[in-house]
Amino acid sequence: MSLIDSTSLDPLERYLNLTAFRQQLVANNLANIDTPGYRTKDILFQQEMERAEDDLDDEEHRPFVLPVGGLVERPDGNNVSMDREGLLLLELQLEYKTGVELLRSGLRTINEAINDGRPV
């Protein structure tokens, strides 16, 4: 069962879940920055959002995690870039905050509708 039980907020819930999942991937990449042979992992965010929209009945949408190509590999085989992961983490934090604000706005609208248009 969804925590947000409104069809108008379902896409926003999927967006927040996917953003949080990607934040975990970035944190995992950073945690393995000194692990020999570790390969940076990520998801194709837009494609995963589209896939999540198609999987409306799927309670547990599991994104496809892919290795990131085109990164500079160190002699130990690790290709994690502190710069890439740091910038991506900042971007994801802003996206998540925006999603939360949109969710608050949507819930406020629902609450006002329940209370005959009176803000709470």
N, C-alpha and C. Protein backbone atom coordinates (compact mmCIF):
# COMPACT_ATOMS: atom_id res chain seq x y z
N MET A 1 0.84 -1.18 0.00
CA MET A 1 0.00 0.00 0.00
C MET A 1 0.88 1.25 0.00
N SER A 2 0.47 2.22 -0.74
CA SER A 2 1.22 3.46 -0.87
C SER A 2 1.04 4.34 0.36
N LEU A 3 2.11 5.04 0.74
CA LEU A 3 1.99 6.00 1.84
C LEU A 3 1.17 7.21 1.42
N ILE A 4 1.21 7.52 0.15
CA ILE A 4 0.46 8.66 -0.39
C ILE A 4 -0.65 8.08 -1.24
N ASP A 5 -1.87 8.06 -0.70
CA ASP A 5 -2.97 7.39 -1.38
C ASP A 5 -3.80 8.39 -2.19
N SER A 6 -3.20 8.89 -3.25
CA SER A 6 -3.88 9.81 -4.15
C SER A 6 -3.28 9.66 -5.53
N THR A 7 -4.12 9.43 -6.53
CA THR A 7 -3.59 9.22 -7.88
C THR A 7 -2.88 10.47 -8.41
N SER A 8 -3.25 11.64 -7.94
CA SER A 8 -2.58 12.85 -8.41
C SER A 8 -1.17 12.97 -7.83
N LEU A 9 -0.91 12.32 -6.71
CA LEU A 9 0.41 12.40 -6.08
C LEU A 9 1.26 11.17 -6.34
N ASP A 10 0.71 10.14 -6.99
CA ASP A 10 1.47 8.92 -7.27
C ASP A 10 2.77 9.19 -8.06
N PRO A 11 2.71 9.98 -9.14
CA PRO A 11 3.97 10.23 -9.87
C PRO A 11 5.02 10.92 -8.99
N LEU A 12 4.58 11.78 -8.11
CA LEU A 12 5.51 12.48 -7.21
C LEU A 12 6.13 11.51 -6.21
N GLU A 13 5.34 10.56 -5.74
CA GLU A 13 5.88 9.54 -4.83
C GLU A 13 6.94 8.71 -5.55
N ARG A 14 6.66 8.33 -6.79
CA ARG A 14 7.64 7.55 -7.56
C ARG A 14 8.92 8.37 -7.78
N TYR A 15 8.76 9.66 -8.06
CA TYR A 15 9.90 10.54 -8.26
C TYR A 15 10.76 10.60 -7.00
N LEU A 16 10.13 10.78 -5.85
CA LEU A 16 10.88 10.85 -4.59
C LEU A 16 11.57 9.52 -4.27
N ASN A 17 10.88 8.42 -4.51
CA ASN A 17 11.48 7.10 -4.26
C ASN A 17 12.69 6.88 -5.16
N LEU A 18 12.56 7.24 -6.42
CA LEU A 18 13.65 7.05 -7.37
C LEU A 18 14.83 7.98 -7.05
N THR A 19 14.54 9.20 -6.65
CA THR A 19 15.60 10.13 -6.26
C THR A 19 16.34 9.62 -5.02
N ALA A 20 15.60 9.11 -4.05
CA ALA A 20 16.23 8.56 -2.84
C ALA A 20 17.08 7.33 -3.18
N PHE A 21 16.59 6.50 -4.09
CA PHE A 21 17.35 5.32 -4.51
C PHE A 21 18.67 5.76 -5.16
N ARG A 22 18.60 6.77 -6.01
CA ARG A 22 19.80 7.26 -6.69
C ARG A 22 20.78 7.88 -5.69
N GLN A 23 20.26 8.56 -4.67
CA GLN A 23 21.12 9.10 -3.62
C GLN A 23 21.88 7.98 -2.91
N GLN A 24 21.22 6.86 -2.69
CA GLN A 24 21.88 5.71 -2.06
C GLN A 24 22.99 5.16 -2.95
N LEU A 25 22.74 5.13 -4.27
CA LEU A 25 23.78 4.68 -5.19
C LEU A 25 25.00 5.58 -5.14
N VAL A 26 24.77 6.89 -5.12
CA VAL A 26 25.88 7.85 -5.07
C VAL A 26 26.65 7.68 -3.76
N ALA A 27 25.93 7.52 -2.65
CA ALA A 27 26.59 7.32 -1.36
C ALA A 27 27.42 6.04 -1.38
N ASN A 28 26.89 4.99 -2.01
CA ASN A 28 27.62 3.74 -2.12
C ASN A 28 28.87 3.90 -2.98
N ASN A 29 28.74 4.66 -4.07
CA ASN A 29 29.90 4.94 -4.92
C ASN A 29 30.99 5.65 -4.11
N LEU A 30 30.59 6.65 -3.35
CA LEU A 30 31.56 7.40 -2.54
C LEU A 30 32.18 6.52 -1.46
N ALA A 31 31.39 5.64 -0.88
CA ALA A 31 31.91 4.75 0.16
C ALA A 31 32.95 3.78 -0.40
N ASN A 32 32.88 3.52 -1.71
CA ASN A 32 33.81 2.59 -2.34
C ASN A 32 34.90 3.28 -3.16
N ILE A 33 35.16 4.54 -2.87
CA ILE A 33 36.12 5.30 -3.66
C ILE A 33 37.53 4.71 -3.59
N ASP A 34 37.86 4.00 -2.52
CA ASP A 34 39.19 3.40 -2.38
C ASP A 34 39.18 1.88 -2.55
N THR A 35 38.06 1.32 -3.02
CA THR A 35 37.97 -0.12 -3.21
C THR A 35 38.54 -0.49 -4.58
N PRO A 36 39.62 -1.26 -4.62
CA PRO A 36 40.20 -1.65 -5.91
C PRO A 36 39.19 -2.41 -6.78
N GLY A 37 39.12 -2.01 -8.05
CA GLY A 37 38.25 -2.67 -9.00
C GLY A 37 36.79 -2.25 -8.96
N TYR A 38 36.42 -1.37 -8.02
CA TYR A 38 35.02 -0.94 -7.92
C TYR A 38 34.65 -0.07 -9.12
N ARG A 39 33.49 -0.31 -9.68
CA ARG A 39 32.99 0.44 -10.84
C ARG A 39 31.80 1.30 -10.40
N THR A 40 31.81 2.56 -10.79
CA THR A 40 30.72 3.49 -10.48
C THR A 40 29.41 2.97 -11.05
N LYS A 41 28.36 3.06 -10.24
CA LYS A 41 27.02 2.60 -10.65
C LYS A 41 26.05 3.76 -10.63
N ASP A 42 25.05 3.70 -11.51
CA ASP A 42 24.03 4.74 -11.58
C ASP A 42 22.80 4.15 -12.26
N ILE A 43 21.78 4.96 -12.41
CA ILE A 43 20.58 4.58 -13.14
C ILE A 43 20.33 5.63 -14.22
N LEU A 44 19.57 5.27 -15.22
CA LEU A 44 19.11 6.23 -16.22
C LEU A 44 17.80 6.79 -15.70
N PHE A 45 17.89 7.95 -15.05
CA PHE A 45 16.77 8.49 -14.27
C PHE A 45 15.49 8.64 -15.09
N GLN A 46 15.57 9.28 -16.25
CA GLN A 46 14.37 9.52 -17.06
C GLN A 46 13.73 8.20 -17.49
N GLN A 47 14.54 7.27 -17.92
CA GLN A 47 14.00 5.97 -18.34
C GLN A 47 13.36 5.24 -17.16
N GLU A 48 13.96 5.35 -16.00
CA GLU A 48 13.40 4.70 -14.82
C GLU A 48 12.09 5.35 -14.38
N MET A 49 11.99 6.67 -14.56
CA MET A 49 10.72 7.34 -14.25
C MET A 49 9.63 6.83 -15.19
N GLU A 50 9.95 6.70 -16.46
CA GLU A 50 8.98 6.20 -17.43
C GLU A 50 8.60 4.76 -17.11
N ARG A 51 9.57 3.95 -16.74
CA ARG A 51 9.31 2.57 -16.38
C ARG A 51 8.45 2.48 -15.12
N ALA A 52 8.70 3.37 -14.16
CA ALA A 52 7.91 3.39 -12.93
C ALA A 52 6.46 3.76 -13.23
N GLU A 53 6.26 4.64 -14.19
CA GLU A 53 4.90 5.01 -14.60
C GLU A 53 4.18 3.83 -15.23
N ASP A 54 4.92 3.01 -15.97
CA ASP A 54 4.33 1.84 -16.61
C ASP A 54 4.03 0.73 -15.61
N ASP A 55 4.78 0.69 -14.51
CA ASP A 55 4.61 -0.35 -13.49
C ASP A 55 3.68 0.14 -12.38
N LEU A 56 2.51 0.63 -12.74
CA LEU A 56 1.60 1.21 -11.76
C LEU A 56 1.17 0.20 -10.69
N ASP A 57 1.04 -1.07 -11.06
CA ASP A 57 0.58 -2.07 -10.11
C ASP A 57 1.73 -2.65 -9.28
N ASP A 58 2.94 -2.34 -9.67
CA ASP A 58 4.11 -2.90 -9.00
C ASP A 58 4.40 -2.10 -7.73
N GLU A 59 4.20 -2.74 -6.58
CA GLU A 59 4.44 -2.06 -5.30
C GLU A 59 5.91 -1.69 -5.13
N GLU A 60 6.80 -2.61 -5.52
CA GLU A 60 8.23 -2.44 -5.31
C GLU A 60 8.93 -2.30 -6.65
N HIS A 61 8.98 -1.09 -7.17
CA HIS A 61 9.68 -0.84 -8.44
C HIS A 61 11.18 -0.88 -8.18
N ARG A 62 11.87 -1.78 -8.85
CA ARG A 62 13.31 -1.92 -8.70
C ARG A 62 14.00 -1.38 -9.93
N PRO A 63 14.69 -0.25 -9.81
CA PRO A 63 15.40 0.31 -10.96
C PRO A 63 16.56 -0.57 -11.41
N PHE A 64 16.88 -0.47 -12.71
CA PHE A 64 18.04 -1.17 -13.26
C PHE A 64 19.29 -0.37 -12.95
N VAL A 65 20.21 -0.96 -12.24
CA VAL A 65 21.48 -0.31 -11.89
C VAL A 65 22.51 -0.71 -12.95
N LEU A 66 23.17 0.31 -13.49
CA LEU A 66 24.13 0.10 -14.57
C LEU A 66 25.50 0.66 -14.21
N PRO A 67 26.56 0.08 -14.75
CA PRO A 67 27.88 0.69 -14.58
C PRO A 67 27.97 1.96 -15.43
N VAL A 68 28.67 2.95 -14.92
CA VAL A 68 28.83 4.21 -15.64
C VAL A 68 30.07 4.12 -16.52
N GLY A 69 29.90 4.36 -17.80
CA GLY A 69 31.03 4.31 -18.73
C GLY A 69 31.65 5.68 -18.92
N GLY A 70 32.84 5.69 -19.51
CA GLY A 70 33.50 6.93 -19.88
C GLY A 70 34.21 7.64 -18.75
N LEU A 71 34.34 7.01 -17.60
CA LEU A 71 35.03 7.63 -16.48
C LEU A 71 36.51 7.21 -16.48
N VAL A 72 37.35 8.06 -15.95
CA VAL A 72 38.78 7.76 -15.88
C VAL A 72 39.00 6.67 -14.84
N GLU A 73 39.71 5.65 -15.26
CA GLU A 73 39.99 4.52 -14.38
C GLU A 73 41.39 4.66 -13.79
N ARG A 74 41.49 4.46 -12.49
CA ARG A 74 42.80 4.50 -11.83
C ARG A 74 43.52 3.16 -12.06
N PRO A 75 44.80 3.12 -11.76
CA PRO A 75 45.55 1.87 -11.96
C PRO A 75 44.97 0.66 -11.21
N ASP A 76 44.26 0.90 -10.09
CA ASP A 76 43.69 -0.22 -9.34
C ASP A 76 42.35 -0.69 -9.91
N GLY A 77 41.90 -0.07 -11.01
CA GLY A 77 40.65 -0.47 -11.65
C GLY A 77 39.42 0.27 -11.16
N ASN A 78 39.57 1.11 -10.16
CA ASN A 78 38.46 1.89 -9.62
C ASN A 78 38.23 3.11 -10.51
N ASN A 79 36.95 3.44 -10.80
CA ASN A 79 36.67 4.61 -11.63
C ASN A 79 35.75 5.62 -10.95
N VAL A 80 35.65 5.60 -9.64
CA VAL A 80 34.80 6.55 -8.91
C VAL A 80 35.46 7.92 -8.94
N SER A 81 34.68 8.93 -9.34
CA SER A 81 35.17 10.31 -9.39
C SER A 81 34.49 11.11 -8.27
N MET A 82 35.29 11.61 -7.36
CA MET A 82 34.77 12.42 -6.26
C MET A 82 34.02 13.64 -6.79
N ASP A 83 34.54 14.26 -7.84
CA ASP A 83 33.89 15.44 -8.41
C ASP A 83 32.50 15.09 -8.97
N ARG A 84 32.43 14.01 -9.76
CA ARG A 84 31.15 13.61 -10.36
C ARG A 84 30.14 13.27 -9.27
N GLU A 85 30.55 12.47 -8.31
CA GLU A 85 29.63 12.01 -7.27
C GLU A 85 29.20 13.17 -6.36
N GLY A 86 30.11 14.07 -6.05
CA GLY A 86 29.77 15.22 -5.22
C GLY A 86 28.76 16.13 -5.89
N LEU A 87 28.98 16.43 -7.16
CA LEU A 87 28.04 17.27 -7.90
C LEU A 87 26.68 16.58 -8.06
N LEU A 88 26.71 15.29 -8.34
CA LEU A 88 25.46 14.55 -8.48
C LEU A 88 24.69 14.52 -7.17
N LEU A 89 25.40 14.37 -6.06
CA LEU A 89 24.75 14.36 -4.75
C LEU A 89 24.07 15.70 -4.46
N LEU A 90 24.75 16.80 -4.78
CA LEU A 90 24.14 18.13 -4.59
C LEU A 90 22.90 18.30 -5.46
N GLU A 91 22.99 17.86 -6.70
CA GLU A 91 21.86 17.95 -7.62
C GLU A 91 20.68 17.13 -7.09
N LEU A 92 20.95 15.94 -6.62
CA LEU A 92 19.89 15.08 -6.11
C LEU A 92 19.25 15.65 -4.85
N GLN A 93 20.04 16.28 -4.00
CA GLN A 93 19.49 16.91 -2.80
C GLN A 93 18.52 18.02 -3.18
N LEU A 94 18.88 18.84 -4.17
CA LEU A 94 17.98 19.89 -4.63
C LEU A 94 16.71 19.32 -5.25
N GLU A 95 16.87 18.27 -6.04
CA GLU A 95 15.70 17.64 -6.67
C GLU A 95 14.78 17.04 -5.61
N TYR A 96 15.35 16.42 -4.60
CA TYR A 96 14.54 15.81 -3.55
C TYR A 96 13.79 16.89 -2.76
N LYS A 97 14.49 17.97 -2.42
CA LYS A 97 13.83 19.07 -1.70
C LYS A 97 12.68 19.65 -2.51
N THR A 98 12.89 19.80 -3.82
CA THR A 98 11.83 20.30 -4.69
C THR A 98 10.64 19.34 -4.68
N GLY A 99 10.92 18.05 -4.76
CA GLY A 99 9.86 17.05 -4.72
C GLY A 99 9.07 17.09 -3.43
N VAL A 100 9.77 17.26 -2.31
CA VAL A 100 9.11 17.34 -1.01
C VAL A 100 8.20 18.58 -0.94
N GLU A 101 8.68 19.70 -1.46
CA GLU A 101 7.86 20.91 -1.47
C GLU A 101 6.61 20.74 -2.34
N LEU A 102 6.77 20.07 -3.48
CA LEU A 102 5.61 19.79 -4.33
C LEU A 102 4.63 18.86 -3.62
N LEU A 103 5.15 17.89 -2.90
CA LEU A 103 4.30 16.98 -2.14
C LEU A 103 3.55 17.74 -1.06
N ARG A 104 4.23 18.60 -0.34
CA ARG A 104 3.56 19.41 0.69
C ARG A 104 2.44 20.25 0.10
N SER A 105 2.72 20.83 -1.05
CA SER A 105 1.71 21.64 -1.72
C SER A 105 0.49 20.80 -2.10
N GLY A 106 0.74 19.61 -2.64
CA GLY A 106 -0.35 18.73 -3.01
C GLY A 106 -1.16 18.28 -1.81
N LEU A 107 -0.50 17.95 -0.72
CA LEU A 107 -1.20 17.55 0.49
C LEU A 107 -1.97 18.71 1.11
N ARG A 108 -1.41 19.90 1.01
CA ARG A 108 -2.10 21.09 1.50
C ARG A 108 -3.40 21.31 0.71
N THR A 109 -3.33 21.12 -0.60
CA THR A 109 -4.51 21.26 -1.45
C THR A 109 -5.57 20.23 -1.07
N ILE A 110 -5.16 19.01 -0.85
CA ILE A 110 -6.11 17.97 -0.45
C ILE A 110 -6.73 18.31 0.91
N ASN A 111 -5.90 18.76 1.84
CA ASN A 111 -6.38 19.13 3.17
C ASN A 111 -7.39 20.28 3.09
N GLU A 112 -7.12 21.27 2.24
CA GLU A 112 -8.05 22.39 2.08
C GLU A 112 -9.37 21.92 1.48
N ALA A 113 -9.30 20.97 0.55
CA ALA A 113 -10.53 20.44 -0.05
C ALA A 113 -11.36 19.71 1.00
N ILE A 114 -10.70 18.99 1.88
CA ILE A 114 -11.40 18.28 2.95
C ILE A 114 -12.05 19.28 3.92
N ASN A 115 -11.40 20.40 4.14
CA ASN A 115 -11.89 21.41 5.11
C ASN A 115 -12.64 22.54 4.42
N ASP A 116 -13.31 22.25 3.32
CA ASP A 116 -14.14 23.24 2.60
C ASP A 116 -13.38 24.50 2.21
N GLY A 117 -12.15 24.33 1.78
CA GLY A 117 -11.37 25.45 1.28
C GLY A 117 -10.69 26.29 2.33
N ARG A 118 -10.85 25.93 3.60
CA ARG A 118 -10.17 26.68 4.67
C ARG A 118 -8.76 26.14 4.84
N PRO A 119 -7.76 27.00 4.75
CA PRO A 119 -6.38 26.52 5.00
C PRO A 119 -6.23 26.10 6.46
N VAL A 120 -5.37 25.13 6.66
CA VAL A 120 -5.15 24.63 8.01
C VAL A 120 -3.79 25.04 8.50
